[in-house]
Amino acid sequence: MLRPLISNDLFTVSIVIGLILIAISKALFAKRFDDFVFVLGNSKYLKIYSRDQKFFDVFDALLFINFVFTFTIFGILSFETLFGSVSLSLTLLLKLFLAVAIFITMKILIERLIGSVFDIDFLIDNYLFQKISYKNFVGILLLPLNALLIYSIDSSPVIIYSILAIILLVFIIGLLTTLKVYQNLIKQNMFYFILYLCALEIAPYVIIVSVIVDV
């Protein structure tokens, strides 16, 4: 698929920023980064670093920004492949970045609030840490995949759906890891946890997909 030169330039800048953010994370938190890259299916990282959770964590923040960039770019590439070309500009790209960042951040804050309301702070905090960790992992994973889609291979629905399946698999592994680690605590709060999953994990994304399909 041929894209306007400005689109590739914007994508290139975004990818470079992502690489810089990952490099900074690696430089500032070498040991944690080395543990983090093996987070998939390994509860060791989650158990060790969830104990030192902070409201604002520099390591997670750097990788989260990378996730916002890479996920947004992948979203644009997916939309172009599945629905048609997008007239991309710097303003639109920044708006999309901001929209994704605000959506996820607000969702996290609401989830923390709900955890406090239902007195399941510990469970929700650890679950959120797991989710953020796996989102950040997906962000790193998407960086080379986006580069391939932009500069190397011709995108197709099969490729897009395959990547989406990989992303979904990562999140499912993350959820199963959380269930395994905190199964006793979840059993004690099963009703609230299921309510939380339905209201804040499933419903928002169903609505977003419905809106995109209707566009």
N, C-alpha and C. Protein backbone atom coordinates (compact mmCIF):
# COMPACT_ATOMS: atom_id res chain seq x y z
N MET A 1 0.84 -1.19 0.00
CA MET A 1 0.00 0.00 0.00
C MET A 1 0.88 1.25 0.00
N LEU A 2 0.64 2.14 -0.96
CA LEU A 2 1.41 3.37 -1.04
C LEU A 2 0.77 4.43 -0.16
N ARG A 3 1.59 5.10 0.62
CA ARG A 3 1.09 6.15 1.51
C ARG A 3 1.74 7.46 1.14
N PRO A 4 1.06 8.57 1.45
CA PRO A 4 1.70 9.87 1.26
C PRO A 4 3.00 9.94 2.05
N LEU A 5 3.96 10.67 1.49
CA LEU A 5 5.27 10.77 2.13
C LEU A 5 5.17 11.32 3.55
N ILE A 6 4.25 12.28 3.75
CA ILE A 6 4.12 12.88 5.08
C ILE A 6 3.70 11.85 6.12
N SER A 7 2.87 10.86 5.71
CA SER A 7 2.44 9.82 6.64
C SER A 7 3.64 9.00 7.10
N ASN A 8 4.47 8.59 6.15
CA ASN A 8 5.65 7.82 6.51
C ASN A 8 6.60 8.63 7.38
N ASP A 9 6.71 9.91 7.11
CA ASP A 9 7.57 10.76 7.94
C ASP A 9 7.06 10.81 9.37
N LEU A 10 5.76 10.96 9.53
CA LEU A 10 5.17 11.00 10.87
C LEU A 10 5.34 9.66 11.58
N PHE A 11 5.14 8.59 10.84
CA PHE A 11 5.34 7.26 11.41
C PHE A 11 6.79 7.06 11.83
N THR A 12 7.70 7.54 10.99
CA THR A 12 9.13 7.40 11.29
C THR A 12 9.50 8.13 12.58
N VAL A 13 9.02 9.35 12.71
CA VAL A 13 9.28 10.13 13.92
C VAL A 13 8.72 9.41 15.14
N SER A 14 7.51 8.87 15.02
CA SER A 14 6.89 8.16 16.13
C SER A 14 7.69 6.93 16.53
N ILE A 15 8.17 6.20 15.54
CA ILE A 15 8.97 5.00 15.82
C ILE A 15 10.29 5.38 16.49
N VAL A 16 10.91 6.44 16.01
CA VAL A 16 12.17 6.89 16.62
C VAL A 16 11.94 7.30 18.07
N ILE A 17 10.84 8.01 18.33
CA ILE A 17 10.52 8.40 19.71
C ILE A 17 10.33 7.16 20.57
N GLY A 18 9.65 6.16 20.03
CA GLY A 18 9.46 4.91 20.76
C GLY A 18 10.78 4.25 21.10
N LEU A 19 11.67 4.21 20.14
CA LEU A 19 13.00 3.62 20.37
C LEU A 19 13.77 4.38 21.45
N ILE A 20 13.66 5.70 21.41
CA ILE A 20 14.34 6.53 22.42
C ILE A 20 13.78 6.25 23.81
N LEU A 21 12.47 6.15 23.91
CA LEU A 21 11.83 5.88 25.21
C LEU A 21 12.26 4.52 25.76
N ILE A 22 12.31 3.53 24.89
CA ILE A 22 12.74 2.20 25.33
C ILE A 22 14.21 2.22 25.74
N ALA A 23 15.02 2.94 24.98
CA ALA A 23 16.45 3.04 25.31
C ALA A 23 16.66 3.73 26.66
N ILE A 24 15.88 4.77 26.92
CA ILE A 24 15.98 5.47 28.20
C ILE A 24 15.57 4.54 29.34
N SER A 25 14.50 3.79 29.13
CA SER A 25 14.04 2.83 30.14
C SER A 25 15.12 1.80 30.44
N LYS A 26 15.75 1.31 29.39
CA LYS A 26 16.81 0.32 29.54
C LYS A 26 18.01 0.92 30.27
N ALA A 27 18.34 2.16 29.94
CA ALA A 27 19.51 2.80 30.55
C ALA A 27 19.29 3.12 32.02
N LEU A 28 18.10 3.60 32.36
CA LEU A 28 17.83 4.02 33.73
C LEU A 28 17.47 2.86 34.65
N PHE A 29 16.85 1.83 34.08
CA PHE A 29 16.37 0.71 34.90
C PHE A 29 16.80 -0.61 34.25
N ALA A 30 18.10 -0.81 34.14
CA ALA A 30 18.64 -1.95 33.40
C ALA A 30 18.14 -3.29 33.96
N LYS A 31 18.25 -3.47 35.27
CA LYS A 31 17.85 -4.75 35.89
C LYS A 31 16.36 -4.98 35.71
N ARG A 32 15.58 -3.96 35.97
CA ARG A 32 14.12 -4.11 35.85
C ARG A 32 13.73 -4.37 34.40
N PHE A 33 14.39 -3.70 33.47
CA PHE A 33 14.07 -3.90 32.06
C PHE A 33 14.37 -5.34 31.64
N ASP A 34 15.50 -5.86 32.10
CA ASP A 34 15.87 -7.24 31.77
C ASP A 34 14.84 -8.22 32.32
N ASP A 35 14.32 -7.94 33.51
CA ASP A 35 13.26 -8.79 34.07
C ASP A 35 11.96 -8.62 33.30
N PHE A 36 11.71 -7.39 32.89
CA PHE A 36 10.45 -7.06 32.23
C PHE A 36 10.27 -7.78 30.89
N VAL A 37 11.33 -7.92 30.13
CA VAL A 37 11.20 -8.52 28.80
C VAL A 37 10.79 -9.99 28.86
N PHE A 38 10.87 -10.58 30.05
CA PHE A 38 10.43 -11.97 30.23
C PHE A 38 9.12 -12.05 31.01
N VAL A 39 8.37 -10.95 31.02
CA VAL A 39 7.15 -10.89 31.82
C VAL A 39 6.07 -11.83 31.30
N LEU A 40 6.09 -12.13 30.01
CA LEU A 40 5.03 -12.93 29.41
C LEU A 40 4.99 -14.33 30.01
N GLY A 41 3.93 -14.59 30.74
CA GLY A 41 3.76 -15.91 31.34
C GLY A 41 4.64 -16.16 32.54
N ASN A 42 5.36 -15.12 32.98
CA ASN A 42 6.27 -15.28 34.12
C ASN A 42 5.82 -14.33 35.24
N SER A 43 5.33 -14.90 36.31
CA SER A 43 4.78 -14.08 37.39
C SER A 43 5.87 -13.48 38.28
N LYS A 44 7.13 -13.84 38.05
CA LYS A 44 8.22 -13.35 38.90
C LYS A 44 8.30 -11.83 38.87
N TYR A 45 8.27 -11.26 37.67
CA TYR A 45 8.35 -9.80 37.54
C TYR A 45 7.20 -9.14 38.27
N LEU A 46 6.00 -9.67 38.08
CA LEU A 46 4.81 -9.08 38.69
C LEU A 46 4.89 -9.15 40.21
N LYS A 47 5.36 -10.26 40.73
CA LYS A 47 5.44 -10.43 42.19
C LYS A 47 6.48 -9.49 42.80
N ILE A 48 7.61 -9.36 42.13
CA ILE A 48 8.70 -8.56 42.69
C ILE A 48 8.38 -7.07 42.65
N TYR A 49 7.96 -6.60 41.47
CA TYR A 49 7.84 -5.15 41.29
C TYR A 49 6.47 -4.60 41.67
N SER A 50 5.49 -5.48 41.86
CA SER A 50 4.19 -4.99 42.31
C SER A 50 4.26 -4.51 43.76
N ARG A 51 5.26 -5.01 44.50
CA ARG A 51 5.41 -4.60 45.90
C ARG A 51 5.82 -3.14 46.02
N ASP A 52 6.53 -2.65 45.00
CA ASP A 52 7.05 -1.28 45.05
C ASP A 52 6.25 -0.34 44.16
N GLN A 53 4.97 -0.62 44.01
CA GLN A 53 4.14 0.22 43.15
C GLN A 53 4.06 1.65 43.68
N LYS A 54 4.09 2.58 42.73
CA LYS A 54 3.92 3.99 43.05
C LYS A 54 2.79 4.54 42.19
N PHE A 55 2.21 5.64 42.65
CA PHE A 55 1.15 6.25 41.84
C PHE A 55 1.70 6.67 40.49
N PHE A 56 2.94 7.17 40.49
CA PHE A 56 3.62 7.51 39.23
C PHE A 56 4.96 6.81 39.20
N ASP A 57 5.12 5.91 38.27
CA ASP A 57 6.34 5.13 38.13
C ASP A 57 7.03 5.52 36.82
N VAL A 58 8.26 5.99 36.90
CA VAL A 58 8.96 6.50 35.72
C VAL A 58 9.15 5.40 34.68
N PHE A 59 9.53 4.21 35.13
CA PHE A 59 9.75 3.10 34.21
C PHE A 59 8.47 2.78 33.44
N ASP A 60 7.38 2.61 34.17
CA ASP A 60 6.10 2.31 33.51
C ASP A 60 5.64 3.47 32.64
N ALA A 61 5.89 4.69 33.09
CA ALA A 61 5.45 5.87 32.33
C ALA A 61 6.16 5.94 30.97
N LEU A 62 7.45 5.70 30.96
CA LEU A 62 8.21 5.73 29.71
C LEU A 62 7.70 4.69 28.72
N LEU A 63 7.50 3.49 29.22
CA LEU A 63 7.03 2.42 28.34
C LEU A 63 5.56 2.60 27.98
N PHE A 64 4.80 3.23 28.86
CA PHE A 64 3.39 3.51 28.55
C PHE A 64 3.28 4.51 27.39
N ILE A 65 4.13 5.53 27.41
CA ILE A 65 4.12 6.50 26.31
C ILE A 65 4.46 5.80 24.99
N ASN A 66 5.43 4.90 25.06
CA ASN A 66 5.76 4.12 23.86
C ASN A 66 4.56 3.29 23.41
N PHE A 67 3.85 2.69 24.37
CA PHE A 67 2.66 1.91 24.02
C PHE A 67 1.62 2.78 23.33
N VAL A 68 1.40 3.97 23.84
CA VAL A 68 0.43 4.89 23.23
C VAL A 68 0.82 5.18 21.78
N PHE A 69 2.10 5.45 21.56
CA PHE A 69 2.57 5.74 20.20
C PHE A 69 2.40 4.53 19.29
N THR A 70 2.90 3.38 19.72
CA THR A 70 2.88 2.21 18.85
C THR A 70 1.47 1.68 18.63
N PHE A 71 0.65 1.72 19.67
CA PHE A 71 -0.72 1.22 19.55
C PHE A 71 -1.54 2.12 18.62
N THR A 72 -1.33 3.43 18.73
CA THR A 72 -2.04 4.37 17.87
C THR A 72 -1.64 4.18 16.41
N ILE A 73 -0.34 4.03 16.18
CA ILE A 73 0.13 3.80 14.82
C ILE A 73 -0.44 2.51 14.25
N PHE A 74 -0.43 1.47 15.07
CA PHE A 74 -1.00 0.20 14.61
C PHE A 74 -2.49 0.35 14.32
N GLY A 75 -3.17 1.13 15.14
CA GLY A 75 -4.59 1.38 14.91
C GLY A 75 -4.83 2.06 13.57
N ILE A 76 -3.99 3.03 13.25
CA ILE A 76 -4.11 3.73 11.97
C ILE A 76 -3.83 2.78 10.81
N LEU A 77 -2.77 2.00 10.93
CA LEU A 77 -2.42 1.04 9.88
C LEU A 77 -3.54 0.01 9.69
N SER A 78 -4.12 -0.41 10.80
CA SER A 78 -5.21 -1.39 10.73
C SER A 78 -6.43 -0.79 10.04
N PHE A 79 -6.75 0.45 10.41
CA PHE A 79 -7.91 1.12 9.80
C PHE A 79 -7.70 1.28 8.30
N GLU A 80 -6.49 1.67 7.91
CA GLU A 80 -6.19 1.82 6.48
C GLU A 80 -6.36 0.51 5.74
N THR A 81 -5.92 -0.57 6.36
CA THR A 81 -5.98 -1.87 5.70
C THR A 81 -7.41 -2.41 5.61
N LEU A 82 -8.17 -2.22 6.67
CA LEU A 82 -9.49 -2.83 6.75
C LEU A 82 -10.61 -1.96 6.20
N PHE A 83 -10.44 -0.62 6.29
CA PHE A 83 -11.55 0.26 5.93
C PHE A 83 -11.22 1.29 4.86
N GLY A 84 -9.96 1.55 4.61
CA GLY A 84 -9.60 2.54 3.59
C GLY A 84 -8.57 3.52 4.09
N SER A 85 -8.02 4.29 3.17
CA SER A 85 -6.92 5.20 3.49
C SER A 85 -7.37 6.32 4.44
N VAL A 86 -6.41 6.82 5.19
CA VAL A 86 -6.65 7.91 6.14
C VAL A 86 -5.80 9.10 5.73
N SER A 87 -6.41 10.27 5.71
CA SER A 87 -5.67 11.50 5.42
C SER A 87 -5.00 11.96 6.72
N LEU A 88 -3.76 11.54 6.88
CA LEU A 88 -3.07 11.75 8.16
C LEU A 88 -2.30 13.05 8.16
N SER A 89 -2.41 13.75 9.27
CA SER A 89 -1.65 14.98 9.47
C SER A 89 -1.06 14.95 10.87
N LEU A 90 -0.13 15.85 11.13
CA LEU A 90 0.48 15.91 12.45
C LEU A 90 -0.58 16.21 13.52
N THR A 91 -1.50 17.10 13.20
CA THR A 91 -2.55 17.46 14.16
C THR A 91 -3.43 16.25 14.49
N LEU A 92 -3.83 15.52 13.46
CA LEU A 92 -4.67 14.33 13.69
C LEU A 92 -3.92 13.29 14.49
N LEU A 93 -2.65 13.08 14.16
CA LEU A 93 -1.85 12.08 14.87
C LEU A 93 -1.72 12.43 16.35
N LEU A 94 -1.45 13.70 16.63
CA LEU A 94 -1.33 14.13 18.02
C LEU A 94 -2.65 13.98 18.77
N LYS A 95 -3.75 14.28 18.08
CA LYS A 95 -5.07 14.13 18.70
C LYS A 95 -5.34 12.66 19.03
N LEU A 96 -4.95 11.78 18.13
CA LEU A 96 -5.15 10.35 18.37
C LEU A 96 -4.28 9.86 19.53
N PHE A 97 -3.02 10.30 19.54
CA PHE A 97 -2.14 9.96 20.66
C PHE A 97 -2.76 10.40 21.99
N LEU A 98 -3.22 11.64 22.00
CA LEU A 98 -3.79 12.22 23.21
C LEU A 98 -5.06 11.49 23.63
N ALA A 99 -5.89 11.15 22.65
CA ALA A 99 -7.15 10.46 22.95
C ALA A 99 -6.89 9.09 23.57
N VAL A 100 -5.94 8.35 23.01
CA VAL A 100 -5.60 7.03 23.55
C VAL A 100 -5.05 7.16 24.96
N ALA A 101 -4.14 8.11 25.16
CA ALA A 101 -3.52 8.31 26.48
C ALA A 101 -4.56 8.71 27.52
N ILE A 102 -5.44 9.63 27.17
CA ILE A 102 -6.47 10.09 28.11
C ILE A 102 -7.44 8.96 28.43
N PHE A 103 -7.85 8.22 27.41
CA PHE A 103 -8.80 7.12 27.62
C PHE A 103 -8.24 6.10 28.61
N ILE A 104 -7.01 5.67 28.38
CA ILE A 104 -6.41 4.65 29.25
C ILE A 104 -6.17 5.19 30.65
N THR A 105 -5.68 6.43 30.73
CA THR A 105 -5.40 7.04 32.04
C THR A 105 -6.67 7.21 32.85
N MET A 106 -7.72 7.73 32.22
CA MET A 106 -8.99 7.91 32.92
C MET A 106 -9.57 6.57 33.36
N LYS A 107 -9.42 5.58 32.52
CA LYS A 107 -9.91 4.24 32.85
C LYS A 107 -9.19 3.69 34.08
N ILE A 108 -7.88 3.90 34.15
CA ILE A 108 -7.11 3.44 35.30
C ILE A 108 -7.56 4.15 36.57
N LEU A 109 -7.76 5.46 36.48
CA LEU A 109 -8.19 6.23 37.65
C LEU A 109 -9.57 5.79 38.13
N ILE A 110 -10.47 5.53 37.19
CA ILE A 110 -11.80 5.06 37.56
C ILE A 110 -11.72 3.68 38.21
N GLU A 111 -10.85 2.84 37.67
CA GLU A 111 -10.69 1.49 38.23
C GLU A 111 -10.14 1.56 39.66
N ARG A 112 -9.20 2.46 39.89
CA ARG A 112 -8.67 2.63 41.25
C ARG A 112 -9.77 3.13 42.20
N LEU A 113 -10.59 4.03 41.70
CA LEU A 113 -11.69 4.54 42.51
C LEU A 113 -12.67 3.43 42.87
N ILE A 114 -13.00 2.61 41.89
CA ILE A 114 -13.92 1.50 42.14
C ILE A 114 -13.31 0.51 43.12
N GLY A 115 -12.00 0.29 43.00
CA GLY A 115 -11.33 -0.59 43.96
C GLY A 115 -11.47 -0.08 45.38
N SER A 116 -11.38 1.24 45.53
CA SER A 116 -11.54 1.84 46.86
C SER A 116 -12.97 1.72 47.36
N VAL A 117 -13.92 1.95 46.46
CA VAL A 117 -15.34 1.90 46.84
C VAL A 117 -15.73 0.51 47.33
N PHE A 118 -15.26 -0.51 46.63
CA PHE A 118 -15.62 -1.88 46.99
C PHE A 118 -14.61 -2.53 47.94
N ASP A 119 -13.65 -1.72 48.40
CA ASP A 119 -12.66 -2.18 49.37
C ASP A 119 -11.86 -3.38 48.85
N ILE A 120 -11.49 -3.31 47.58
CA ILE A 120 -10.64 -4.35 47.00
C ILE A 120 -9.41 -3.68 46.36
N ASP A 121 -8.88 -2.70 47.07
CA ASP A 121 -7.76 -1.92 46.56
C ASP A 121 -6.56 -2.79 46.20
N PHE A 122 -6.22 -3.71 47.09
CA PHE A 122 -5.04 -4.53 46.87
C PHE A 122 -5.18 -5.36 45.60
N LEU A 123 -6.35 -5.95 45.42
CA LEU A 123 -6.59 -6.77 44.24
C LEU A 123 -6.54 -5.94 42.97
N ILE A 124 -7.24 -4.81 42.97
CA ILE A 124 -7.30 -3.96 41.78
C ILE A 124 -5.93 -3.35 41.47
N ASP A 125 -5.22 -2.92 42.50
CA ASP A 125 -3.89 -2.32 42.27
C ASP A 125 -2.95 -3.32 41.61
N ASN A 126 -2.97 -4.54 42.08
CA ASN A 126 -2.10 -5.56 41.49
C ASN A 126 -2.57 -5.96 40.09
N TYR A 127 -3.88 -6.00 39.92
CA TYR A 127 -4.41 -6.31 38.59
C TYR A 127 -4.06 -5.20 37.60
N LEU A 128 -4.14 -3.95 38.05
CA LEU A 128 -3.78 -2.82 37.18
C LEU A 128 -2.29 -2.85 36.84
N PHE A 129 -1.47 -3.20 37.82
CA PHE A 129 -0.03 -3.30 37.56
C PHE A 129 0.24 -4.36 36.49
N GLN A 130 -0.47 -5.47 36.60
CA GLN A 130 -0.33 -6.52 35.59
C GLN A 130 -0.76 -6.01 34.22
N LYS A 131 -1.89 -5.32 34.17
CA LYS A 131 -2.39 -4.82 32.89
C LYS A 131 -1.43 -3.81 32.27
N ILE A 132 -0.94 -2.90 33.09
CA ILE A 132 0.00 -1.89 32.58
C ILE A 132 1.28 -2.57 32.07
N SER A 133 1.74 -3.56 32.81
CA SER A 133 2.96 -4.28 32.41
C SER A 133 2.77 -4.95 31.05
N TYR A 134 1.63 -5.59 30.87
CA TYR A 134 1.40 -6.30 29.60
C TYR A 134 1.10 -5.32 28.47
N LYS A 135 0.48 -4.20 28.77
CA LYS A 135 0.32 -3.16 27.74
C LYS A 135 1.69 -2.66 27.28
N ASN A 136 2.56 -2.42 28.25
CA ASN A 136 3.90 -1.95 27.91
C ASN A 136 4.68 -2.99 27.11
N PHE A 137 4.45 -4.26 27.43
CA PHE A 137 5.09 -5.34 26.67
C PHE A 137 4.58 -5.34 25.23
N VAL A 138 3.28 -5.16 25.07
CA VAL A 138 2.69 -5.08 23.73
C VAL A 138 3.26 -3.88 22.98
N GLY A 139 3.48 -2.77 23.70
CA GLY A 139 4.06 -1.59 23.07
C GLY A 139 5.42 -1.87 22.45
N ILE A 140 6.24 -2.62 23.17
CA ILE A 140 7.56 -2.99 22.64
C ILE A 140 7.41 -3.96 21.48
N LEU A 141 6.47 -4.88 21.60
CA LEU A 141 6.23 -5.87 20.55
C LEU A 141 5.75 -5.21 19.25
N LEU A 142 4.93 -4.18 19.40
CA LEU A 142 4.35 -3.54 18.22
C LEU A 142 5.36 -2.67 17.46
N LEU A 143 6.41 -2.24 18.14
CA LEU A 143 7.37 -1.34 17.49
C LEU A 143 7.97 -1.95 16.22
N PRO A 144 8.58 -3.14 16.29
CA PRO A 144 9.11 -3.73 15.05
C PRO A 144 8.02 -4.16 14.08
N LEU A 145 6.87 -4.57 14.61
CA LEU A 145 5.78 -4.98 13.72
C LEU A 145 5.26 -3.79 12.92
N ASN A 146 5.14 -2.64 13.57
CA ASN A 146 4.73 -1.43 12.85
C ASN A 146 5.75 -1.08 11.77
N ALA A 147 7.02 -1.19 12.11
CA ALA A 147 8.07 -0.87 11.14
C ALA A 147 7.96 -1.78 9.91
N LEU A 148 7.69 -3.04 10.15
CA LEU A 148 7.53 -3.98 9.03
C LEU A 148 6.32 -3.60 8.17
N LEU A 149 5.22 -3.25 8.82
CA LEU A 149 4.01 -2.88 8.08
C LEU A 149 4.19 -1.60 7.28
N ILE A 150 5.01 -0.70 7.79
CA ILE A 150 5.19 0.59 7.13
C ILE A 150 6.22 0.51 6.00
N TYR A 151 7.33 -0.17 6.25
CA TYR A 151 8.46 -0.08 5.32
C TYR A 151 8.75 -1.35 4.54
N SER A 152 8.22 -2.48 4.98
CA SER A 152 8.67 -3.73 4.37
C SER A 152 7.56 -4.50 3.68
N ILE A 153 6.61 -4.99 4.45
CA ILE A 153 5.59 -5.88 3.88
C ILE A 153 4.32 -5.11 3.54
N ASP A 154 3.58 -5.64 2.58
CA ASP A 154 2.28 -5.07 2.23
C ASP A 154 1.25 -5.58 3.22
N SER A 155 0.60 -4.65 3.88
CA SER A 155 -0.38 -5.04 4.89
C SER A 155 -1.60 -5.68 4.23
N SER A 156 -2.20 -6.60 4.94
CA SER A 156 -3.42 -7.27 4.48
C SER A 156 -4.27 -7.59 5.69
N PRO A 157 -5.57 -7.82 5.48
CA PRO A 157 -6.42 -8.17 6.62
C PRO A 157 -5.91 -9.36 7.41
N VAL A 158 -5.35 -10.34 6.71
CA VAL A 158 -4.84 -11.53 7.40
C VAL A 158 -3.72 -11.15 8.36
N ILE A 159 -2.81 -10.30 7.91
CA ILE A 159 -1.69 -9.87 8.76
C ILE A 159 -2.20 -9.07 9.95
N ILE A 160 -3.13 -8.15 9.70
CA ILE A 160 -3.68 -7.33 10.78
C ILE A 160 -4.38 -8.20 11.81
N TYR A 161 -5.21 -9.11 11.36
CA TYR A 161 -5.93 -9.98 12.29
C TYR A 161 -4.97 -10.90 13.05
N SER A 162 -3.89 -11.29 12.39
CA SER A 162 -2.90 -12.14 13.06
C SER A 162 -2.22 -11.37 14.19
N ILE A 163 -1.87 -10.11 13.92
CA ILE A 163 -1.25 -9.28 14.96
C ILE A 163 -2.23 -9.02 16.09
N LEU A 164 -3.48 -8.76 15.74
CA LEU A 164 -4.51 -8.56 16.77
C LEU A 164 -4.67 -9.81 17.63
N ALA A 165 -4.57 -10.98 16.99
CA ALA A 165 -4.66 -12.23 17.74
C ALA A 165 -3.49 -12.38 18.71
N ILE A 166 -2.31 -11.95 18.27
CA ILE A 166 -1.13 -12.01 19.15
C ILE A 166 -1.32 -11.08 20.35
N ILE A 167 -1.82 -9.86 20.08
CA ILE A 167 -2.07 -8.90 21.16
C ILE A 167 -3.09 -9.47 22.14
N LEU A 168 -4.16 -10.03 21.61
CA LEU A 168 -5.20 -10.61 22.46
C LEU A 168 -4.63 -11.75 23.29
N LEU A 169 -3.78 -12.56 22.68
CA LEU A 169 -3.16 -13.68 23.39
C LEU A 169 -2.31 -13.18 24.55
N VAL A 170 -1.57 -12.10 24.32
CA VAL A 170 -0.74 -11.53 25.39
C VAL A 170 -1.60 -11.10 26.57
N PHE A 171 -2.72 -10.43 26.28
CA PHE A 171 -3.59 -9.96 27.35
C PHE A 171 -4.29 -11.13 28.06
N ILE A 172 -4.62 -12.17 27.32
CA ILE A 172 -5.24 -13.35 27.94
C ILE A 172 -4.24 -14.03 28.87
N ILE A 173 -2.99 -14.14 28.42
CA ILE A 173 -1.94 -14.71 29.28
C ILE A 173 -1.79 -13.87 30.54
N GLY A 174 -1.84 -12.55 30.37
CA GLY A 174 -1.75 -11.67 31.52
C GLY A 174 -2.88 -11.88 32.50
N LEU A 175 -4.10 -12.01 31.98
CA LEU A 175 -5.26 -12.24 32.84
C LEU A 175 -5.15 -13.57 33.57
N LEU A 176 -4.74 -14.60 32.84
CA LEU A 176 -4.60 -15.92 33.46
C LEU A 176 -3.51 -15.92 34.53
N THR A 177 -2.44 -15.16 34.28
CA THR A 177 -1.37 -15.04 35.27
C THR A 177 -1.89 -14.39 36.54
N THR A 178 -2.69 -13.34 36.37
CA THR A 178 -3.28 -12.66 37.53
C THR A 178 -4.21 -13.60 38.30
N LEU A 179 -5.03 -14.33 37.57
CA LEU A 179 -5.95 -15.27 38.21
C LEU A 179 -5.19 -16.33 39.01
N LYS A 180 -4.07 -16.74 38.45
CA LYS A 180 -3.26 -17.77 39.12
C LYS A 180 -2.61 -17.22 40.38
N VAL A 181 -2.04 -16.02 40.28
CA VAL A 181 -1.31 -15.44 41.41
C VAL A 181 -2.24 -15.04 42.54
N TYR A 182 -3.40 -14.49 42.17
CA TYR A 182 -4.31 -13.94 43.19
C TYR A 182 -5.63 -14.71 43.27
N GLN A 183 -5.58 -16.00 42.98
CA GLN A 183 -6.81 -16.78 42.91
C GLN A 183 -7.58 -16.80 44.23
N ASN A 184 -6.87 -16.88 45.34
CA ASN A 184 -7.56 -16.91 46.64
C ASN A 184 -8.26 -15.58 46.92
N LEU A 185 -7.56 -14.50 46.63
CA LEU A 185 -8.14 -13.17 46.87
C LEU A 185 -9.32 -12.92 45.92
N ILE A 186 -9.19 -13.39 44.69
CA ILE A 186 -10.27 -13.21 43.71
C ILE A 186 -11.50 -14.02 44.13
N LYS A 187 -11.29 -15.21 44.64
CA LYS A 187 -12.41 -16.04 45.09
C LYS A 187 -13.20 -15.34 46.20
N GLN A 188 -12.48 -14.63 47.05
CA GLN A 188 -13.14 -13.93 48.15
C GLN A 188 -13.96 -12.73 47.65
N ASN A 189 -13.59 -12.23 46.48
CA ASN A 189 -14.29 -11.04 45.94
C ASN A 189 -14.77 -11.33 44.51
N MET A 190 -15.23 -12.54 44.28
CA MET A 190 -15.57 -12.99 42.93
C MET A 190 -16.63 -12.11 42.27
N PHE A 191 -17.68 -11.78 43.01
CA PHE A 191 -18.77 -10.99 42.43
C PHE A 191 -18.27 -9.63 41.95
N TYR A 192 -17.52 -8.94 42.80
CA TYR A 192 -17.02 -7.62 42.45
C TYR A 192 -16.02 -7.69 41.29
N PHE A 193 -15.22 -8.74 41.28
CA PHE A 193 -14.22 -8.87 40.22
C PHE A 193 -14.88 -9.12 38.87
N ILE A 194 -15.90 -9.97 38.84
CA ILE A 194 -16.63 -10.22 37.59
C ILE A 194 -17.36 -8.97 37.14
N LEU A 195 -17.96 -8.27 38.10
CA LEU A 195 -18.64 -7.01 37.78
C LEU A 195 -17.66 -6.00 37.19
N TYR A 196 -16.48 -5.96 37.77
CA TYR A 196 -15.43 -5.06 37.28
C TYR A 196 -15.02 -5.43 35.86
N LEU A 197 -14.82 -6.71 35.60
CA LEU A 197 -14.40 -7.15 34.27
C LEU A 197 -15.45 -6.79 33.21
N CYS A 198 -16.71 -7.01 33.55
CA CYS A 198 -17.78 -6.74 32.58
C CYS A 198 -17.93 -5.23 32.32
N ALA A 199 -17.88 -4.46 33.40
CA ALA A 199 -18.16 -3.02 33.28
C ALA A 199 -16.99 -2.24 32.71
N LEU A 200 -15.76 -2.60 33.09
CA LEU A 200 -14.62 -1.76 32.73
C LEU A 200 -13.61 -2.43 31.81
N GLU A 201 -13.74 -3.72 31.60
CA GLU A 201 -12.80 -4.40 30.70
C GLU A 201 -13.44 -4.77 29.37
N ILE A 202 -14.68 -5.20 29.42
CA ILE A 202 -15.33 -5.68 28.21
C ILE A 202 -16.17 -4.60 27.55
N ALA A 203 -17.05 -3.97 28.33
CA ALA A 203 -18.00 -3.00 27.77
C ALA A 203 -17.34 -1.85 27.01
N PRO A 204 -16.30 -1.18 27.55
CA PRO A 204 -15.73 -0.04 26.82
C PRO A 204 -15.20 -0.41 25.44
N TYR A 205 -14.57 -1.58 25.35
CA TYR A 205 -13.98 -1.97 24.07
C TYR A 205 -15.04 -2.43 23.08
N VAL A 206 -16.11 -3.02 23.58
CA VAL A 206 -17.23 -3.38 22.71
C VAL A 206 -17.84 -2.12 22.10
N ILE A 207 -17.97 -1.09 22.91
CA ILE A 207 -18.52 0.19 22.43
C ILE A 207 -17.60 0.82 21.39
N ILE A 208 -16.29 0.80 21.66
CA ILE A 208 -15.32 1.40 20.73
C ILE A 208 -15.34 0.67 19.39
N VAL A 209 -15.34 -0.65 19.43
CA VAL A 209 -15.37 -1.44 18.19
C VAL A 209 -16.65 -1.15 17.41
N SER A 210 -17.77 -1.04 18.12
CA SER A 210 -19.04 -0.76 17.46
C SER A 210 -19.01 0.60 16.77
N VAL A 211 -18.41 1.58 17.43
CA VAL A 211 -18.31 2.92 16.85
C VAL A 211 -17.43 2.90 15.61
N ILE A 212 -16.29 2.20 15.69
CA ILE A 212 -15.37 2.13 14.55
C ILE A 212 -16.03 1.45 13.35
N VAL A 213 -16.73 0.36 13.62
CA VAL A 213 -17.39 -0.37 12.53
C VAL A 213 -18.47 0.48 11.87
N ASP A 214 -19.13 1.31 12.66
CA ASP A 214 -20.21 2.14 12.13
C ASP A 214 -19.71 3.37 11.37
N VAL A 215 -18.40 3.69 11.56
CA VAL A 215 -17.86 4.88 10.90
C VAL A 215 -17.85 4.71 9.38
